[in-house]
Amino acid sequence: MFKKVIGIILVVIIIAAGFWYYKTNIEGITFIGKIIKDPKVYEGKMITIKGTVTERVQFMVMKYFKLKDRTGEIMVITENPLPSVGDKINVKGMVHDAFSLGGEQILVFIEKDDRNSE
């Protein structure tokens, strides 16, 4: 009986670990918190982020919106139409260090492709 319970628990753990791995790696979505923590790893690489639009701004020719996931928030510069606040979207693009002064750093994500809504 005890061995059966341990076996079931191990199977559940293995399935949960596989699901987590798929959602974080295979699916191809990069968490915003990972980008913020170590931006040099992602700079110049095409990646996809996913989240909820929290703010949108159009100032003359510059358009951007803020995208937030459960790990952080980043500014996304785009040439596409701005999404609505509250939209859940995937965005493909590249990370750039827009501004650094001392210990402060402002990162931006520049959208390169059409986005996908969920």
PDB file of N, CA and C in Angstrom:
ATOM      1  N   MET A   1       0.814  -1.203   0.000  1.00  0.00           N
ATOM      2  CA  MET A   1       0.000   0.000   0.000  1.00  0.00           C
ATOM      3  C   MET A   1       0.855   1.265   0.000  1.00  0.00           C
ATOM      4  N   PHE A   2       1.868   1.318   0.889  1.00  0.00           N
ATOM      5  CA  PHE A   2       2.741   2.480   0.994  1.00  0.00           C
ATOM      6  C   PHE A   2       3.492   2.717  -0.322  1.00  0.00           C
ATOM      7  N   LYS A   3       3.967   1.632  -0.951  1.00  0.00           N
ATOM      8  CA  LYS A   3       4.689   1.755  -2.221  1.00  0.00           C
ATOM      9  C   LYS A   3       3.779   2.296  -3.317  1.00  0.00           C
ATOM     10  N   LYS A   4       2.526   1.925  -3.302  1.00  0.00           N
ATOM     11  CA  LYS A   4       1.562   2.390  -4.293  1.00  0.00           C
ATOM     12  C   LYS A   4       1.347   3.903  -4.169  1.00  0.00           C
ATOM     13  N   VAL A   5       1.210   4.388  -2.947  1.00  0.00           N
ATOM     14  CA  VAL A   5       1.007   5.822  -2.699  1.00  0.00           C
ATOM     15  C   VAL A   5       2.241   6.614  -3.157  1.00  0.00           C
ATOM     16  N   ILE A   6       3.424   6.118  -2.813  1.00  0.00           N
ATOM     17  CA  ILE A   6       4.666   6.778  -3.228  1.00  0.00           C
ATOM     18  C   ILE A   6       4.760   6.801  -4.756  1.00  0.00           C
ATOM     19  N   GLY A   7       4.384   5.702  -5.392  1.00  0.00           N
ATOM     20  CA  GLY A   7       4.407   5.634  -6.860  1.00  0.00           C
ATOM     21  C   GLY A   7       3.467   6.650  -7.492  1.00  0.00           C
ATOM     22  N   ILE A   8       2.268   6.788  -6.941  1.00  0.00           N
ATOM     23  CA  ILE A   8       1.301   7.761  -7.462  1.00  0.00           C
ATOM     24  C   ILE A   8       1.824   9.182  -7.283  1.00  0.00           C
ATOM     25  N   ILE A   9       2.390   9.468  -6.118  1.00  0.00           N
ATOM     26  CA  ILE A   9       2.953  10.805  -5.867  1.00  0.00           C
ATOM     27  C   ILE A   9       4.075  11.106  -6.856  1.00  0.00           C
ATOM     28  N   LEU A  10       4.946  10.146  -7.116  1.00  0.00           N
ATOM     29  CA  LEU A  10       6.041  10.351  -8.080  1.00  0.00           C
ATOM     30  C   LEU A  10       5.509  10.604  -9.487  1.00  0.00           C
ATOM     31  N   VAL A  11       4.479   9.887  -9.890  1.00  0.00           N
ATOM     32  CA  VAL A  11       3.890  10.095 -11.219  1.00  0.00           C
ATOM     33  C   VAL A  11       3.315  11.504 -11.326  1.00  0.00           C
ATOM     34  N   VAL A  12       2.611  11.953 -10.287  1.00  0.00           N
ATOM     35  CA  VAL A  12       2.040  13.302 -10.285  1.00  0.00           C
ATOM     36  C   VAL A  12       3.148  14.357 -10.369  1.00  0.00           C
ATOM     37  N   ILE A  13       4.212  14.166  -9.624  1.00  0.00           N
ATOM     38  CA  ILE A  13       5.339  15.111  -9.648  1.00  0.00           C
ATOM     39  C   ILE A  13       5.978  15.145 -11.034  1.00  0.00           C
ATOM     40  N   ILE A  14       6.169  14.011 -11.648  1.00  0.00           N
ATOM     41  CA  ILE A  14       6.771  13.948 -12.987  1.00  0.00           C
ATOM     42  C   ILE A  14       5.874  14.638 -14.014  1.00  0.00           C
ATOM     43  N   ILE A  15       4.576  14.405 -13.946  1.00  0.00           N
ATOM     44  CA  ILE A  15       3.648  15.059 -14.884  1.00  0.00           C
ATOM     45  C   ILE A  15       3.654  16.571 -14.673  1.00  0.00           C
ATOM     46  N   ALA A  16       3.644  17.019 -13.418  1.00  0.00           N
ATOM     47  CA  ALA A  16       3.659  18.455 -13.122  1.00  0.00           C
ATOM     48  C   ALA A  16       4.957  19.094 -13.614  1.00  0.00           C
ATOM     49  N   ALA A  17       6.079  18.411 -13.413  1.00  0.00           N
ATOM     50  CA  ALA A  17       7.366  18.936 -13.877  1.00  0.00           C
ATOM     51  C   ALA A  17       7.400  19.019 -15.400  1.00  0.00           C
ATOM     52  N   GLY A  18       6.842  18.038 -16.072  1.00  0.00           N
ATOM     53  CA  GLY A  18       6.784  18.071 -17.542  1.00  0.00           C
ATOM     54  C   GLY A  18       5.921  19.206 -18.047  1.00  0.00           C
ATOM     55  N   PHE A  19       4.784  19.426 -17.409  1.00  0.00           N
ATOM     56  CA  PHE A  19       3.901  20.534 -17.787  1.00  0.00           C
ATOM     57  C   PHE A  19       4.610  21.870 -17.581  1.00  0.00           C
ATOM     58  N   TRP A  20       5.269  22.044 -16.428  1.00  0.00           N
ATOM     59  CA  TRP A  20       6.006  23.281 -16.140  1.00  0.00           C
ATOM     60  C   TRP A  20       7.098  23.497 -17.193  1.00  0.00           C
ATOM     61  N   TYR A  21       7.846  22.455 -17.519  1.00  0.00           N
ATOM     62  CA  TYR A  21       8.906  22.577 -18.514  1.00  0.00           C
ATOM     63  C   TYR A  21       8.333  22.997 -19.865  1.00  0.00           C
ATOM     64  N   TYR A  22       7.223  22.389 -20.258  1.00  0.00           N
ATOM     65  CA  TYR A  22       6.590  22.729 -21.532  1.00  0.00           C
ATOM     66  C   TYR A  22       6.169  24.197 -21.551  1.00  0.00           C
ATOM     67  N   LYS A  23       5.511  24.644 -20.500  1.00  0.00           N
ATOM     68  CA  LYS A  23       5.002  26.017 -20.453  1.00  0.00           C
ATOM     69  C   LYS A  23       6.126  27.041 -20.432  1.00  0.00           C
ATOM     70  N   THR A  24       7.273  26.708 -19.850  1.00  0.00           N
ATOM     71  CA  THR A  24       8.353  27.695 -19.738  1.00  0.00           C
ATOM     72  C   THR A  24       9.409  27.592 -20.833  1.00  0.00           C
ATOM     73  N   ASN A  25       9.515  26.455 -21.495  1.00  0.00           N
ATOM     74  CA  ASN A  25      10.588  26.289 -22.477  1.00  0.00           C
ATOM     75  C   ASN A  25      10.085  25.914 -23.871  1.00  0.00           C
ATOM     76  N   ILE A  26       9.342  24.856 -23.982  1.00  0.00           N
ATOM     77  CA  ILE A  26       8.906  24.352 -25.275  1.00  0.00           C
ATOM     78  C   ILE A  26       7.976  25.345 -25.960  1.00  0.00           C
ATOM     79  N   GLU A  27       7.060  25.913 -25.198  1.00  0.00           N
ATOM     80  CA  GLU A  27       6.091  26.836 -25.758  1.00  0.00           C
ATOM     81  C   GLU A  27       6.778  28.081 -26.332  1.00  0.00           C
ATOM     82  N   GLY A  28       7.988  28.364 -25.892  1.00  0.00           N
ATOM     83  CA  GLY A  28       8.755  29.471 -26.446  1.00  0.00           C
ATOM     84  C   GLY A  28       8.449  30.829 -25.848  1.00  0.00           C
ATOM     85  N   ILE A  29       7.805  30.865 -24.713  1.00  0.00           N
ATOM     86  CA  ILE A  29       7.491  32.129 -24.059  1.00  0.00           C
ATOM     87  C   ILE A  29       8.573  32.410 -23.015  1.00  0.00           C
ATOM     88  N   THR A  30       9.103  33.620 -23.023  1.00  0.00           N
ATOM     89  CA  THR A  30      10.091  34.038 -22.037  1.00  0.00           C
ATOM     90  C   THR A  30       9.395  34.910 -20.996  1.00  0.00           C
ATOM     91  N   PHE A  31       9.599  34.600 -19.730  1.00  0.00           N
ATOM     92  CA  PHE A  31       9.011  35.407 -18.668  1.00  0.00           C
ATOM     93  C   PHE A  31       9.696  36.771 -18.602  1.00  0.00           C
ATOM     94  N   ILE A  32       8.907  37.823 -18.410  1.00  0.00           N
ATOM     95  CA  ILE A  32       9.440  39.183 -18.345  1.00  0.00           C
ATOM     96  C   ILE A  32      10.404  39.325 -17.173  1.00  0.00           C
ATOM     97  N   GLY A  33      10.116  38.681 -16.063  1.00  0.00           N
ATOM     98  CA  GLY A  33      11.007  38.736 -14.903  1.00  0.00           C
ATOM     99  C   GLY A  33      12.401  38.217 -15.206  1.00  0.00           C
ATOM    100  N   LYS A  34      12.497  37.178 -16.043  1.00  0.00           N
ATOM    101  CA  LYS A  34      13.812  36.656 -16.445  1.00  0.00           C
ATOM    102  C   LYS A  34      14.579  37.696 -17.255  1.00  0.00           C
ATOM    103  N   ILE A  35      13.863  38.413 -18.117  1.00  0.00           N
ATOM    104  CA  ILE A  35      14.494  39.450 -18.937  1.00  0.00           C
ATOM    105  C   ILE A  35      15.023  40.573 -18.050  1.00  0.00           C
ATOM    106  N   ILE A  36      14.200  41.009 -17.114  1.00  0.00           N
ATOM    107  CA  ILE A  36      14.582  42.104 -16.220  1.00  0.00           C
ATOM    108  C   ILE A  36      15.769  41.703 -15.348  1.00  0.00           C
ATOM    109  N   LYS A  37      15.769  40.461 -14.896  1.00  0.00           N
ATOM    110  CA  LYS A  37      16.836  39.981 -14.011  1.00  0.00           C
ATOM    111  C   LYS A  37      18.191  39.911 -14.719  1.00  0.00           C
ATOM    112  N   ASP A  38      18.203  39.471 -15.968  1.00  0.00           N
ATOM    113  CA  ASP A  38      19.466  39.306 -16.698  1.00  0.00           C
ATOM    114  C   ASP A  38      19.279  39.672 -18.172  1.00  0.00           C
ATOM    115  N   PRO A  39      19.126  40.963 -18.481  1.00  0.00           N
ATOM    116  CA  PRO A  39      18.813  41.384 -19.857  1.00  0.00           C
ATOM    117  C   PRO A  39      19.903  41.064 -20.884  1.00  0.00           C
ATOM    118  N   LYS A  40      21.139  40.988 -20.475  1.00  0.00           N
ATOM    119  CA  LYS A  40      22.232  40.722 -21.428  1.00  0.00           C
ATOM    120  C   LYS A  40      22.081  39.368 -22.105  1.00  0.00           C
ATOM    121  N   VAL A  41      21.456  38.408 -21.417  1.00  0.00           N
ATOM    122  CA  VAL A  41      21.234  37.072 -21.980  1.00  0.00           C
ATOM    123  C   VAL A  41      20.310  37.151 -23.196  1.00  0.00           C
ATOM    124  N   TYR A  42      19.357  38.086 -23.172  1.00  0.00           N
ATOM    125  CA  TYR A  42      18.328  38.165 -24.213  1.00  0.00           C
ATOM    126  C   TYR A  42      18.575  39.262 -25.239  1.00  0.00           C
ATOM    127  N   GLU A  43      19.483  40.169 -24.964  1.00  0.00           N
ATOM    128  CA  GLU A  43      19.720  41.294 -25.866  1.00  0.00           C
ATOM    129  C   GLU A  43      20.171  40.811 -27.247  1.00  0.00           C
ATOM    130  N   GLY A  44      19.481  41.302 -28.277  1.00  0.00           N
ATOM    131  CA  GLY A  44      19.813  40.957 -29.649  1.00  0.00           C
ATOM    132  C   GLY A  44      19.232  39.641 -30.133  1.00  0.00           C
ATOM    133  N   LYS A  45      18.455  38.946 -29.280  1.00  0.00           N
ATOM    134  CA  LYS A  45      17.843  37.669 -29.652  1.00  0.00           C
ATOM    135  C   LYS A  45      16.353  37.865 -29.864  1.00  0.00           C
ATOM    136  N   MET A  46      15.802  37.190 -30.857  1.00  0.00           N
ATOM    137  CA  MET A  46      14.366  37.224 -31.104  1.00  0.00           C
ATOM    138  C   MET A  46      13.684  36.302 -30.098  1.00  0.00           C
ATOM    139  N   ILE A  47      12.792  36.858 -29.273  1.00  0.00           N
ATOM    140  CA  ILE A  47      12.077  36.067 -28.274  1.00  0.00           C
ATOM    141  C   ILE A  47      10.596  36.460 -28.279  1.00  0.00           C
ATOM    142  N   THR A  48       9.805  35.686 -27.580  1.00  0.00           N
ATOM    143  CA  THR A  48       8.376  35.965 -27.451  1.00  0.00           C
ATOM    144  C   THR A  48       8.037  36.124 -25.978  1.00  0.00           C
ATOM    145  N   ILE A  49       7.295  37.192 -25.684  1.00  0.00           N
ATOM    146  CA  ILE A  49       6.795  37.403 -24.333  1.00  0.00           C
ATOM    147  C   ILE A  49       5.272  37.381 -24.378  1.00  0.00           C
ATOM    148  N   LYS A  50       4.671  37.163 -23.226  1.00  0.00           N
ATOM    149  CA  LYS A  50       3.222  37.021 -23.151  1.00  0.00           C
ATOM    150  C   LYS A  50       2.745  37.720 -21.892  1.00  0.00           C
ATOM    151  N   GLY A  51       1.629  38.446 -22.000  1.00  0.00           N
ATOM    152  CA  GLY A  51       1.119  39.096 -20.813  1.00  0.00           C
ATOM    153  C   GLY A  51      -0.134  39.900 -21.092  1.00  0.00           C
ATOM    154  N   THR A  52      -0.461  40.757 -20.137  1.00  0.00           N
ATOM    155  CA  THR A  52      -1.635  41.613 -20.198  1.00  0.00           C
ATOM    156  C   THR A  52      -1.191  43.050 -20.386  1.00  0.00           C
ATOM    157  N   VAL A  53      -1.843  43.749 -21.301  1.00  0.00           N
ATOM    158  CA  VAL A  53      -1.527  45.164 -21.554  1.00  0.00           C
ATOM    159  C   VAL A  53      -2.059  45.975 -20.378  1.00  0.00           C
ATOM    160  N   THR A  54      -1.166  46.778 -19.754  1.00  0.00           N
ATOM    161  CA  THR A  54      -1.559  47.571 -18.588  1.00  0.00           C
ATOM    162  C   THR A  54      -1.641  49.061 -18.886  1.00  0.00           C
ATOM    163  N   GLU A  55      -1.003  49.477 -19.961  1.00  0.00           N
ATOM    164  CA  GLU A  55      -0.965  50.902 -20.309  1.00  0.00           C
ATOM    165  C   GLU A  55      -0.618  51.024 -21.781  1.00  0.00           C
ATOM    166  N   ARG A  56      -1.092  52.084 -22.429  1.00  0.00           N
ATOM    167  CA  ARG A  56      -0.746  52.324 -23.828  1.00  0.00           C
ATOM    168  C   ARG A  56      -0.562  53.819 -24.039  1.00  0.00           C
ATOM    169  N   VAL A  57       0.456  54.166 -24.852  1.00  0.00           N
ATOM    170  CA  VAL A  57       0.783  55.572 -25.077  1.00  0.00           C
ATOM    171  C   VAL A  57       1.139  55.774 -26.536  1.00  0.00           C
ATOM    172  N   GLN A  58       0.589  56.829 -27.121  1.00  0.00           N
ATOM    173  CA  GLN A  58       0.982  57.249 -28.461  1.00  0.00           C
ATOM    174  C   GLN A  58       1.397  58.699 -28.357  1.00  0.00           C
ATOM    175  N   PHE A  59       2.662  58.957 -28.639  1.00  0.00           N
ATOM    176  CA  PHE A  59       3.210  60.305 -28.561  1.00  0.00           C
ATOM    177  C   PHE A  59       3.858  60.622 -29.900  1.00  0.00           C
ATOM    178  N   MET A  60       3.184  61.438 -30.696  1.00  0.00           N
ATOM    179  CA  MET A  60       3.620  61.776 -32.048  1.00  0.00           C
ATOM    180  C   MET A  60       3.835  60.485 -32.847  1.00  0.00           C
ATOM    181  N   VAL A  61       5.090  60.191 -33.223  1.00  0.00           N
ATOM    182  CA  VAL A  61       5.353  58.997 -34.037  1.00  0.00           C
ATOM    183  C   VAL A  61       5.713  57.778 -33.197  1.00  0.00           C
ATOM    184  N   MET A  62       5.921  57.963 -31.894  1.00  0.00           N
ATOM    185  CA  MET A  62       6.304  56.839 -31.042  1.00  0.00           C
ATOM    186  C   MET A  62       5.062  56.237 -30.379  1.00  0.00           C
ATOM    187  N   LYS A  63       4.942  54.905 -30.487  1.00  0.00           N
ATOM    188  CA  LYS A  63       3.848  54.180 -29.845  1.00  0.00           C
ATOM    189  C   LYS A  63       4.444  53.086 -28.967  1.00  0.00           C
ATOM    190  N   TYR A  64       3.912  52.985 -27.752  1.00  0.00           N
ATOM    191  CA  TYR A  64       4.338  51.882 -26.902  1.00  0.00           C
ATOM    192  C   TYR A  64       3.213  51.487 -25.964  1.00  0.00           C
ATOM    193  N   PHE A  65       3.362  50.297 -25.419  1.00  0.00           N
ATOM    194  CA  PHE A  65       2.448  49.824 -24.393  1.00  0.00           C
ATOM    195  C   PHE A  65       3.242  49.043 -23.373  1.00  0.00           C
ATOM    196  N   LYS A  66       2.690  48.904 -22.186  1.00  0.00           N
ATOM    197  CA  LYS A  66       3.344  48.115 -21.152  1.00  0.00           C
ATOM    198  C   LYS A  66       2.661  46.760 -21.084  1.00  0.00           C
ATOM    199  N   LEU A  67       3.493  45.728 -21.014  1.00  0.00           N
ATOM    200  CA  LEU A  67       3.007  44.353 -20.951  1.00  0.00           C
ATOM    201  C   LEU A  67       3.459  43.751 -19.626  1.00  0.00           C
ATOM    202  N   LYS A  68       2.525  43.127 -18.921  1.00  0.00           N
ATOM    203  CA  LYS A  68       2.817  42.575 -17.601  1.00  0.00           C
ATOM    204  C   LYS A  68       2.435  41.099 -17.545  1.00  0.00           C
ATOM    205  N   ASP A  69       3.358  40.293 -17.020  1.00  0.00           N
ATOM    206  CA  ASP A  69       3.033  38.908 -16.699  1.00  0.00           C
ATOM    207  C   ASP A  69       3.177  38.736 -15.192  1.00  0.00           C
ATOM    208  N   ARG A  70       3.110  37.523 -14.708  1.00  0.00           N
ATOM    209  CA  ARG A  70       3.173  37.319 -13.257  1.00  0.00           C
ATOM    210  C   ARG A  70       4.554  37.564 -12.664  1.00  0.00           C
ATOM    211  N   THR A  71       5.564  37.789 -13.536  1.00  0.00           N
ATOM    212  CA  THR A  71       6.934  37.967 -13.044  1.00  0.00           C
ATOM    213  C   THR A  71       7.461  39.388 -13.205  1.00  0.00           C
ATOM    214  N   GLY A  72       6.790  40.250 -13.976  1.00  0.00           N
ATOM    215  CA  GLY A  72       7.281  41.608 -14.169  1.00  0.00           C
ATOM    216  C   GLY A  72       6.534  42.350 -15.260  1.00  0.00           C
ATOM    217  N   GLU A  73       7.035  43.540 -15.578  1.00  0.00           N
ATOM    218  CA  GLU A  73       6.408  44.396 -16.573  1.00  0.00           C
ATOM    219  C   GLU A  73       7.502  45.052 -17.415  1.00  0.00           C
ATOM    220  N   ILE A  74       7.233  45.215 -18.725  1.00  0.00           N
ATOM    221  CA  ILE A  74       8.204  45.812 -19.629  1.00  0.00           C
ATOM    222  C   ILE A  74       7.486  46.696 -20.646  1.00  0.00           C
ATOM    223  N   MET A  75       8.186  47.725 -21.114  1.00  0.00           N
ATOM    224  CA  MET A  75       7.658  48.609 -22.139  1.00  0.00           C
ATOM    225  C   MET A  75       7.917  47.984 -23.512  1.00  0.00           C
ATOM    226  N   VAL A  76       6.879  47.951 -24.351  1.00  0.00           N
ATOM    227  CA  VAL A  76       6.984  47.386 -25.694  1.00  0.00           C
ATOM    228  C   VAL A  76       6.782  48.500 -26.707  1.00  0.00           C
ATOM    229  N   ILE A  77       7.796  48.772 -27.499  1.00  0.00           N
ATOM    230  CA  ILE A  77       7.711  49.775 -28.559  1.00  0.00           C
ATOM    231  C   ILE A  77       7.232  49.064 -29.817  1.00  0.00           C
ATOM    232  N   THR A  78       6.271  49.677 -30.516  1.00  0.00           N
ATOM    233  CA  THR A  78       5.667  49.007 -31.657  1.00  0.00           C
ATOM    234  C   THR A  78       5.381  49.977 -32.792  1.00  0.00           C
ATOM    235  N   GLU A  79       5.285  49.433 -33.993  1.00  0.00           N
ATOM    236  CA  GLU A  79       4.796  50.179 -35.149  1.00  0.00           C
ATOM    237  C   GLU A  79       3.401  49.689 -35.525  1.00  0.00           C
ATOM    238  N   ASN A  80       2.948  48.627 -34.862  1.00  0.00           N
ATOM    239  CA  ASN A  80       1.625  48.063 -35.093  1.00  0.00           C
ATOM    240  C   ASN A  80       0.573  48.898 -34.368  1.00  0.00           C
ATOM    241  N   PRO A  81      -0.700  48.665 -34.667  1.00  0.00           N
ATOM    242  CA  PRO A  81      -1.751  49.334 -33.896  1.00  0.00           C
ATOM    243  C   PRO A  81      -1.629  48.965 -32.416  1.00  0.00           C
ATOM    244  N   LEU A  82      -1.899  49.922 -31.544  1.00  0.00           N
ATOM    245  CA  LEU A  82      -1.805  49.663 -30.112  1.00  0.00           C
ATOM    246  C   LEU A  82      -2.933  48.742 -29.652  1.00  0.00           C
ATOM    247  N   PRO A  83      -2.599  47.752 -28.811  1.00  0.00           N
ATOM    248  CA  PRO A  83      -3.650  46.902 -28.252  1.00  0.00           C
ATOM    249  C   PRO A  83      -4.404  47.663 -27.168  1.00  0.00           C
ATOM    250  N   SER A  84      -5.544  47.164 -26.787  1.00  0.00           N
ATOM    251  CA  SER A  84      -6.339  47.782 -25.725  1.00  0.00           C
ATOM    252  C   SER A  84      -5.817  47.360 -24.355  1.00  0.00           C
ATOM    253  N   VAL A  85      -5.975  48.240 -23.380  1.00  0.00           N
ATOM    254  CA  VAL A  85      -5.629  47.893 -22.007  1.00  0.00           C
ATOM    255  C   VAL A  85      -6.497  46.707 -21.602  1.00  0.00           C
ATOM    256  N   GLY A  86      -5.855  45.710 -20.998  1.00  0.00           N
ATOM    257  CA  GLY A  86      -6.555  44.493 -20.586  1.00  0.00           C
ATOM    258  C   GLY A  86      -6.408  43.340 -21.564  1.00  0.00           C
ATOM    259  N   ASP A  87      -5.966  43.623 -22.811  1.00  0.00           N
ATOM    260  CA  ASP A  87      -5.758  42.548 -23.781  1.00  0.00           C
ATOM    261  C   ASP A  87      -4.654  41.615 -23.305  1.00  0.00           C
ATOM    262  N   LYS A  88      -4.849  40.320 -23.503  1.00  0.00           N
ATOM    263  CA  LYS A  88      -3.818  39.313 -23.227  1.00  0.00           C
ATOM    264  C   LYS A  88      -3.216  38.932 -24.573  1.00  0.00           C
ATOM    265  N   ILE A  89      -1.910  39.210 -24.737  1.00  0.00           N
ATOM    266  CA  ILE A  89      -1.277  39.020 -26.046  1.00  0.00           C
ATOM    267  C   ILE A  89       0.098  38.379 -25.932  1.00  0.00           C
ATOM    268  N   ASN A  90       0.551  37.816 -27.048  1.00  0.00           N
ATOM    269  CA  ASN A  90       1.926  37.364 -27.236  1.00  0.00           C
ATOM    270  C   ASN A  90       2.601  38.374 -28.144  1.00  0.00           C
ATOM    271  N   VAL A  91       3.840  38.719 -27.825  1.00  0.00           N
ATOM    272  CA  VAL A  91       4.579  39.692 -28.629  1.00  0.00           C
ATOM    273  C   VAL A  91       5.955  39.124 -28.938  1.00  0.00           C
ATOM    274  N   LYS A  92       6.328  39.165 -30.214  1.00  0.00           N
ATOM    275  CA  LYS A  92       7.635  38.686 -30.647  1.00  0.00           C
ATOM    276  C   LYS A  92       8.512  39.900 -30.933  1.00  0.00           C
ATOM    277  N   GLY A  93       9.758  39.862 -30.451  1.00  0.00           N
ATOM    278  CA  GLY A  93      10.646  40.989 -30.684  1.00  0.00           C
ATOM    279  C   GLY A  93      11.993  40.807 -30.000  1.00  0.00           C
ATOM    280  N   MET A  94      12.641  41.950 -29.738  1.00  0.00           N
ATOM    281  CA  MET A  94      13.989  41.940 -29.165  1.00  0.00           C
ATOM    282  C   MET A  94      14.082  42.907 -27.992  1.00  0.00           C
ATOM    283  N   VAL A  95      14.911  42.545 -27.017  1.00  0.00           N
ATOM    284  CA  VAL A  95      15.151  43.371 -25.835  1.00  0.00           C
ATOM    285  C   VAL A  95      16.297  44.344 -26.153  1.00  0.00           C
ATOM    286  N   HIS A  96      16.113  45.592 -25.712  1.00  0.00           N
ATOM    287  CA  HIS A  96      17.169  46.593 -25.868  1.00  0.00           C
ATOM    288  C   HIS A  96      17.317  47.380 -24.576  1.00  0.00           C
ATOM    289  N   ASP A  97      18.537  47.731 -24.257  1.00  0.00           N
ATOM    290  CA  ASP A  97      18.832  48.576 -23.107  1.00  0.00           C
ATOM    291  C   ASP A  97      18.660  50.012 -23.578  1.00  0.00           C
ATOM    292  N   ALA A  98      17.535  50.633 -23.235  1.00  0.00           N
ATOM    293  CA  ALA A  98      17.222  51.965 -23.737  1.00  0.00           C
ATOM    294  C   ALA A  98      18.016  53.039 -23.019  1.00  0.00           C
ATOM    295  N   PHE A  99      18.275  52.834 -21.732  1.00  0.00           N
ATOM    296  CA  PHE A  99      18.895  53.886 -20.948  1.00  0.00           C
ATOM    297  C   PHE A  99      19.519  53.290 -19.704  1.00  0.00           C
ATOM    298  N   SER A 100      20.761  53.628 -19.414  1.00  0.00           N
ATOM    299  CA  SER A 100      21.410  53.192 -18.184  1.00  0.00           C
ATOM    300  C   SER A 100      22.130  54.381 -17.559  1.00  0.00           C
ATOM    301  N   LEU A 101      21.919  54.562 -16.266  1.00  0.00           N
ATOM    302  CA  LEU A 101      22.607  55.624 -15.533  1.00  0.00           C
ATOM    303  C   LEU A 101      22.886  55.094 -14.142  1.00  0.00           C
ATOM    304  N   GLY A 102      24.151  54.863 -13.862  1.00  0.00           N
ATOM    305  CA  GLY A 102      24.507  54.264 -12.578  1.00  0.00           C
ATOM    306  C   GLY A 102      23.904  52.884 -12.468  1.00  0.00           C
ATOM    307  N   GLY A 103      23.163  52.659 -11.404  1.00  0.00           N
ATOM    308  CA  GLY A 103      22.526  51.369 -11.190  1.00  0.00           C
ATOM    309  C   GLY A 103      21.154  51.260 -11.817  1.00  0.00           C
ATOM    310  N   GLU A 104      20.637  52.369 -12.337  1.00  0.00           N
ATOM    311  CA  GLU A 104      19.311  52.360 -12.947  1.00  0.00           C
ATOM    312  C   GLU A 104      19.383  51.968 -14.416  1.00  0.00           C
ATOM    313  N   GLN A 105      18.441  51.160 -14.840  1.00  0.00           N
ATOM    314  CA  GLN A 105      18.422  50.683 -16.218  1.00  0.00           C
ATOM    315  C   GLN A 105      16.973  50.640 -16.703  1.00  0.00           C
ATOM    316  N   ILE A 106      16.747  51.158 -17.890  1.00  0.00           N
ATOM    317  CA  ILE A 106      15.426  51.078 -18.493  1.00  0.00           C
ATOM    318  C   ILE A 106      15.530  50.157 -19.700  1.00  0.00           C
ATOM    319  N   LEU A 107      14.769  49.082 -19.657  1.00  0.00           N
ATOM    320  CA  LEU A 107      14.736  48.125 -20.758  1.00  0.00           C
ATOM    321  C   LEU A 107      13.499  48.364 -21.595  1.00  0.00           C
ATOM    322  N   VAL A 108      13.620  48.142 -22.882  1.00  0.00           N
ATOM    323  CA  VAL A 108      12.463  48.168 -23.765  1.00  0.00           C
ATOM    324  C   VAL A 108      12.473  46.907 -24.602  1.00  0.00           C
ATOM    325  N   PHE A 109      11.304  46.526 -25.034  1.00  0.00           N
ATOM    326  CA  PHE A 109      11.130  45.379 -25.910  1.00  0.00           C
ATOM    327  C   PHE A 109      10.592  45.941 -27.215  1.00  0.00           C
ATOM    328  N   ILE A 110      11.299  45.736 -28.319  1.00  0.00           N
ATOM    329  CA  ILE A 110      10.870  46.280 -29.603  1.00  0.00           C
ATOM    330  C   ILE A 110      10.192  45.164 -30.393  1.00  0.00           C
ATOM    331  N   GLU A 111       8.905  45.377 -30.664  1.00  0.00           N
ATOM    332  CA  GLU A 111       8.105  44.377 -31.374  1.00  0.00           C
ATOM    333  C   GLU A 111       8.565  44.277 -32.822  1.00  0.00           C
ATOM    334  N   LYS A 112       8.733  43.048 -33.307  1.00  0.00           N
ATOM    335  CA  LYS A 112       9.227  42.822 -34.663  1.00  0.00           C
ATOM    336  C   LYS A 112       8.212  42.168 -35.576  1.00  0.00           C
ATOM    337  N   ASP A 113       7.165  41.573 -35.033  1.00  0.00           N
ATOM    338  CA  ASP A 113       6.209  40.809 -35.828  1.00  0.00           C
ATOM    339  C   ASP A 113       4.790  41.162 -35.423  1.00  0.00           C
ATOM    340  N   ASP A 114       3.837  40.632 -36.162  1.00  0.00           N
ATOM    341  CA  ASP A 114       2.449  40.766 -35.734  1.00  0.00           C
ATOM    342  C   ASP A 114       2.259  39.966 -34.455  1.00  0.00           C
ATOM    343  N   ARG A 115       1.421  40.460 -33.606  1.00  0.00           N
ATOM    344  CA  ARG A 115       1.191  39.803 -32.320  1.00  0.00           C
ATOM    345  C   ARG A 115      -0.021  38.890 -32.383  1.00  0.00           C
ATOM    346  N   ASN A 116      -0.100  38.010 -31.400  1.00  0.00           N
ATOM    347  CA  ASN A 116      -1.227  37.087 -31.288  1.00  0.00           C
ATOM    348  C   ASN A 116      -2.006  37.402 -30.029  1.00  0.00           C
ATOM    349  N   SER A 117      -3.296  37.559 -30.160  1.00  0.00           N
ATOM    350  CA  SER A 117      -4.174  37.715 -28.999  1.00  0.00           C
ATOM    351  C   SER A 117      -4.596  36.336 -28.531  1.00  0.00           C
ATOM    352  N   GLU A 118      -4.928  36.256 -27.266  1.00  0.00           N
ATOM    353  CA  GLU A 118      -5.398  34.963 -26.731  1.00  0.00           C
ATOM    354  C   GLU A 118      -6.881  34.989 -26.565  1.00  0.00           C
TER     355      GLU A 118
END
